[in-house]
Protein backbone atom coordinates (compact mmCIF):
# COMPACT_ATOMS: atom_id res chain seq x y z
CA MET A 1 21.12 2.09 -5.66
CA TYR A 2 20.14 2.19 -9.33
CA TYR A 3 16.71 1.71 -10.82
CA LYS A 4 14.74 2.21 -14.01
CA SER A 5 11.09 3.20 -14.30
CA ILE A 6 8.23 1.25 -15.85
CA PRO A 7 5.85 3.71 -17.57
CA HIS A 8 2.21 2.71 -17.95
CA TYR A 9 -0.26 4.92 -19.80
CA ARG A 10 0.05 8.42 -18.28
CA ASN A 11 1.97 7.20 -15.24
CA SER A 12 5.64 7.85 -16.08
CA CYS A 13 6.78 5.70 -13.16
CA PHE A 14 4.22 3.00 -12.46
CA ALA A 15 6.96 0.95 -10.78
CA GLY A 16 10.68 1.20 -10.14
CA ILE A 17 12.88 -1.74 -11.16
CA VAL A 18 16.01 -1.95 -9.02
CA GLN A 19 19.12 -2.69 -11.09
CA ASN A 20 21.47 -3.73 -8.28
CA LYS A 21 21.94 -7.50 -8.07
CA ASN A 22 23.37 -7.49 -4.55
CA LEU A 23 21.28 -6.44 -1.54
CA ASP A 24 24.39 -4.93 0.07
CA GLU A 25 24.26 -2.30 -2.70
CA ILE A 26 20.61 -1.39 -2.07
CA ASP A 27 20.18 1.28 0.59
CA GLY A 28 17.04 0.46 2.58
CA LEU A 29 15.88 4.04 3.09
CA LEU A 30 16.39 4.95 -0.58
CA PHE A 31 14.48 1.81 -1.49
CA SER A 32 11.54 2.80 0.74
CA LYS A 33 11.54 6.29 -0.80
CA LEU A 34 11.23 4.70 -4.24
CA VAL A 35 8.27 2.65 -3.02
CA GLY A 36 6.61 5.72 -1.55
CA GLN A 37 7.13 7.85 -4.63
CA CYS A 38 6.17 5.26 -7.26
CA GLY A 39 3.87 2.96 -5.31
CA ILE A 40 5.81 -0.17 -6.30
CA SER A 41 9.45 -1.24 -6.41
CA ILE A 42 10.63 -4.56 -7.84
CA VAL A 43 13.90 -6.41 -7.24
CA PRO A 44 13.89 -8.93 -10.13
CA TYR A 45 17.07 -10.83 -9.24
CA ASP A 46 17.67 -14.04 -7.29
CA MET A 47 17.89 -13.12 -3.59
CA GLU A 48 18.07 -15.58 -0.70
CA LEU A 49 15.08 -15.37 1.62
CA GLN A 50 17.21 -15.14 4.76
CA GLN A 51 19.25 -12.32 3.27
CA VAL A 52 16.07 -10.42 2.38
CA PHE A 53 14.71 -10.99 5.89
CA GLU A 54 17.88 -9.57 7.45
CA TRP A 55 17.80 -6.57 5.11
CA LEU A 56 14.17 -5.58 5.81
CA PRO A 57 14.90 -3.64 9.05
CA THR A 58 16.90 -1.16 6.97
CA VAL A 59 13.83 -0.53 4.80
CA GLY A 60 11.16 0.08 7.42
CA TYR A 61 9.85 -0.53 10.91
CA TYR A 62 8.48 -3.99 11.63
CA SER A 63 6.41 -5.41 14.46
CA ASP A 64 5.59 -8.93 13.33
CA PHE A 65 4.51 -10.57 10.12
CA LYS A 66 0.88 -11.31 11.02
CA LEU A 67 -1.55 -10.06 8.40
CA PRO A 68 -5.36 -10.01 8.65
CA PRO A 69 -6.94 -12.64 6.39
CA ARG A 70 -8.17 -11.52 3.00
CA ASP A 71 -8.91 -12.99 -0.42
CA ILE A 72 -5.76 -12.26 -2.43
CA THR A 73 -7.45 -13.38 -5.66
CA LYS A 74 -9.24 -9.99 -5.58
CA PHE A 75 -7.69 -6.54 -5.53
CA GLY A 76 -7.23 -5.32 -2.00
CA THR A 77 -4.89 -4.08 0.68
CA GLY A 78 -4.10 -5.09 4.23
CA LEU A 79 -5.06 -1.62 5.46
CA THR A 80 -8.75 -1.82 4.64
CA TYR A 81 -9.96 -2.97 8.05
CA TYR A 82 -6.88 -2.03 10.10
CA PRO A 83 -5.92 1.36 8.69
CA ASP A 84 -2.94 2.06 10.96
CA ASN A 85 -1.19 -1.20 10.19
CA GLU A 86 1.90 -1.40 8.02
CA GLU A 87 2.09 0.85 4.99
CA MET A 88 4.44 -1.25 2.83
CA LEU A 89 4.23 -4.90 1.88
CA VAL A 90 7.11 -7.03 0.61
CA ILE A 91 6.05 -10.01 -1.52
CA TYR A 92 8.79 -12.64 -1.95
CA ASN A 93 8.34 -15.55 -4.36
CA SER A 94 9.64 -18.78 -2.82
CA ASN A 95 7.97 -20.89 -5.53
CA GLU A 96 10.01 -22.78 -8.10
CA ASN A 97 7.93 -21.13 -10.82
CA ASP A 98 7.17 -17.60 -11.92
CA VAL A 99 4.19 -15.93 -10.24
CA SER A 100 1.99 -13.40 -12.01
CA ILE A 101 0.86 -10.54 -9.78
CA SER A 102 -1.58 -7.82 -10.82
CA LEU A 103 -0.83 -4.38 -9.40
CA LEU A 104 -3.33 -1.52 -9.23
CA ASN A 105 -1.62 1.83 -8.78
CA THR A 106 -3.69 4.99 -8.20
CA LYS A 107 -0.88 7.56 -8.14
CA GLN A 108 -2.10 9.41 -11.24
CA LEU A 109 -5.82 9.02 -10.50
CA PRO A 110 -6.71 12.41 -8.95
CA SER A 111 -5.76 14.34 -12.09
CA ASN A 112 -7.81 11.94 -14.24
CA ILE A 113 -11.17 12.26 -12.47
CA ALA A 114 -13.19 14.82 -14.40
CA ASN A 115 -14.77 16.66 -11.47
CA TRP A 116 -12.13 16.18 -8.77
CA LYS A 117 -11.47 19.92 -8.52
CA VAL A 118 -14.81 20.47 -6.82
CA TRP A 119 -13.45 18.72 -3.73
CA ASN A 120 -10.71 19.48 -1.29
CA LEU A 121 -8.98 16.15 -1.80
CA TYR A 122 -7.48 16.11 1.66
CA ASP A 123 -10.72 16.57 3.56
CA ASP A 124 -13.93 16.22 1.59
CA LEU A 125 -14.31 12.56 0.67
CA TRP A 126 -14.44 9.80 3.25
CA GLY A 127 -15.46 6.18 2.71
CA THR A 128 -17.22 4.13 5.38
CA VAL A 129 -15.85 0.64 6.02
CA VAL A 130 -17.44 -1.77 8.51
CA ASN A 131 -15.32 -4.60 9.90
CA ALA A 132 -17.85 -7.14 11.19
CA ASP A 133 -15.03 -9.59 12.00
CA TYR A 134 -12.82 -7.13 13.84
CA GLN A 135 -10.04 -8.86 15.79
CA ALA A 136 -7.84 -6.78 18.08
CA LEU A 137 -4.86 -9.08 17.56
CA TYR A 138 -4.42 -7.65 14.05
CA ASN A 139 -4.12 -4.07 15.31
CA LYS A 140 -0.54 -2.86 15.33
CA SER A 141 1.28 0.31 16.30
CA ILE A 142 4.34 1.81 14.65
CA VAL A 143 5.82 2.76 18.00
CA ASP A 144 5.76 -0.87 19.14
CA SER A 145 7.98 -1.96 16.26
CA GLU A 146 11.08 -3.90 17.21
CA ASN A 147 13.38 -1.46 15.43
CA PHE A 148 11.56 1.79 16.25
CA GLU A 149 13.69 4.71 17.46
CA SER A 150 12.14 5.95 20.71
CA GLU A 151 13.04 9.60 20.08
CA PHE A 152 10.30 9.77 17.42
CA ILE A 153 7.49 8.38 19.56
CA ASP A 154 5.68 11.71 20.11
CA LEU A 155 5.34 12.29 16.36
CA TYR A 156 2.82 9.48 15.83
CA GLN A 157 -0.92 9.28 16.41
CA PRO A 158 -2.43 6.49 18.58
CA THR A 159 -3.72 3.43 16.73
CA ARG A 160 -7.42 3.47 15.82
CA LYS A 161 -9.39 0.42 16.94
CA ASN A 162 -12.89 0.89 15.57
CA LYS A 163 -15.16 -1.62 13.89
CA THR A 164 -16.67 1.15 11.77
CA LEU A 165 -14.07 3.35 10.11
CA GLN A 166 -14.16 6.55 8.09
CA LEU A 167 -11.24 6.26 5.68
CA LYS A 168 -9.91 9.04 3.50
CA LEU A 169 -10.29 8.35 -0.21
CA PHE A 170 -7.48 10.78 -0.98
CA PRO A 171 -4.90 10.00 1.71
CA ARG A 172 -2.38 12.16 3.46
CA HIS A 173 0.43 9.95 2.26
CA PRO A 174 3.53 9.81 4.51
CA MET A 175 5.53 11.19 1.56
CA ASN A 176 2.74 13.43 0.25
CA THR A 177 2.40 11.21 -2.82
CA THR A 178 -0.90 11.74 -4.62
CA GLY A 179 -3.23 8.82 -5.12
CA MET A 180 -6.43 7.24 -3.92
CA PHE A 181 -7.42 4.63 -1.36
CA CYS A 182 -10.58 2.85 -2.45
CA PRO A 183 -10.80 -0.95 -2.10
CA LYS A 184 -13.90 -1.61 -4.16
CA GLU A 185 -15.27 -4.51 -2.12
CA HIS A 186 -15.32 -2.66 1.18
CA VAL A 187 -16.37 0.99 0.89
CA ILE A 188 -20.13 1.04 1.56
CA GLU A 189 -20.86 4.77 1.55
CA LEU A 190 -19.26 8.14 0.87
CA LYS A 191 -19.40 11.09 3.24
CA THR A 192 -18.03 14.59 3.35
CA TYR A 193 -15.70 15.91 6.01
CA THR A 194 -18.73 16.96 8.03
CA LYS A 195 -19.85 13.31 7.96
CA ASP A 196 -22.95 14.04 5.88
CA ARG A 197 -23.63 11.19 3.50
CA LEU A 198 -23.66 12.33 -0.09
CA ASP A 199 -27.08 11.97 -1.72
CA ASN A 200 -25.60 10.18 -4.72
CA HIS A 201 -22.94 8.29 -2.79
CA GLY A 202 -23.84 4.93 -4.34
CA GLU A 203 -23.42 6.27 -7.86
CA MET A 204 -20.20 8.02 -6.87
CA ILE A 205 -18.67 4.84 -5.43
CA GLU A 206 -19.51 2.94 -8.60
CA SER A 207 -18.28 5.76 -10.83
CA ILE A 208 -14.98 6.17 -9.01
CA THR A 209 -14.23 2.49 -8.63
CA SER A 210 -15.25 1.70 -12.21
CA HIS A 211 -12.83 4.38 -13.31
CA LEU A 212 -10.16 2.95 -11.06
CA TYR A 213 -10.38 -0.74 -11.95
CA THR A 214 -9.35 -0.32 -15.59
CA LYS A 215 -6.26 -1.25 -17.58
CA GLU A 216 -4.92 2.29 -17.26
CA TYR A 217 -4.21 1.70 -13.57
CA ILE A 218 -3.48 -2.04 -13.60
CA LEU A 219 -0.23 -3.72 -14.61
CA ASP A 220 0.55 -7.46 -14.57
CA VAL A 221 4.10 -8.27 -13.54
CA THR A 222 5.99 -11.56 -13.34
CA LEU A 223 7.78 -12.32 -10.10
CA LYS A 224 10.54 -14.84 -10.74
CA PRO A 225 11.62 -17.44 -8.14
CA ASN A 226 13.51 -15.89 -5.21
CA SER A 227 12.78 -12.35 -6.36
CA PHE A 228 10.53 -9.85 -4.62
CA LEU A 229 8.63 -6.63 -4.90
CA CYS A 230 7.53 -4.04 -2.36
CA LEU A 231 4.32 -2.07 -2.71
CA ASP A 232 2.80 0.88 -0.93
CA GLN A 233 -0.48 -0.33 0.60
CA ILE A 234 -2.00 3.15 0.63
CA ILE A 235 -2.02 3.78 -3.12
CA THR A 236 -1.42 0.26 -4.50
CA GLN A 237 -3.63 -2.82 -4.40
CA TRP A 238 -2.67 -6.29 -5.57
CA LYS A 239 -3.97 -9.74 -6.35
CA THR A 240 -2.66 -13.04 -7.67
CA ASP A 241 -3.88 -16.46 -8.72
CA HIS A 242 -4.90 -18.59 -5.71
CA GLN A 243 -2.61 -21.49 -6.61
CA HIS A 244 0.45 -19.47 -5.66
CA ILE A 245 -0.59 -18.37 -2.17
CA ASN A 246 1.49 -20.85 -0.19
CA GLY A 247 4.71 -19.95 -2.00
CA LEU A 248 4.48 -16.22 -1.36
CA LYS A 249 6.16 -14.80 1.73
CA LEU A 250 4.59 -11.54 2.89
CA PHE A 251 6.46 -9.04 5.06
CA PRO A 252 4.65 -5.83 6.12
CA LEU A 253 6.61 -2.70 7.09
CA TRP A 254 6.07 0.94 8.03
CA TYR A 255 7.99 3.85 6.56
CA LYS A 256 10.71 5.02 8.91
CA SER A 257 10.62 8.45 10.51
CA GLU A 258 13.67 9.59 8.50
CA VAL A 259 11.84 9.39 5.18
CA ARG A 260 8.38 10.61 6.20
CA LYS A 261 7.18 14.09 5.28
CA ASN A 262 4.19 14.01 7.62
CA PHE A 263 2.94 11.98 10.55
CA ASN A 264 -0.83 12.35 10.15
CA TYR A 265 -3.22 9.45 9.88
CA SER A 266 -2.82 8.45 6.25
CA ILE A 267 -6.34 7.16 5.59
């Protein structure tokens, strides 16, 4: 598999662009590694939907293709309310026209926040998210995936099923990739590891998210007909114009055990 990197501001690899024009030449596990390391990987060539569908099991584990509803005209991720659901998302363009997708990648964010060194990024900052419309049918488990290898079952944590969640702003990414998880519309308070709400948590949320939702971290890409991209839902958010919703095919996946560097809860 060959790819080139898209640099964007200080991020030397905002996204990886796969150069192979035949899916048979794209190793699924190497592809998932590229997604995990960059946050986004794009296959810009004409690929038949059925062929992509048959190739996906080589990329990651899959359970089904149900996704919780969300407004995709605003930046967000499918993990916000169901944090143990699939970590990768494939977006395939079945429209006859190009589709513009905005990608928000936080891989370089920790080093850019002025006072981040005062925190232990793995433990100190937690965001509270309340899911008032919690529906158990959207909860999924990696170990229930159709193509999961049973010998790895003891490595994974049980799925969390809470309406109120404490999510890590600086995740333990499956590949130890740095970045931040902070969907602006949903985090209502910040706490420390000891669960004490920070006195200035409102100002901190606004400060961090205002820093995050800027052109330095956002890149608009064009997805041509019958091409696709795959993004990491832990460190990448996305949105698109509402008129293209029906023509986008969304396929969520988990990273396979072979490529993971840790098996902790990510967020």
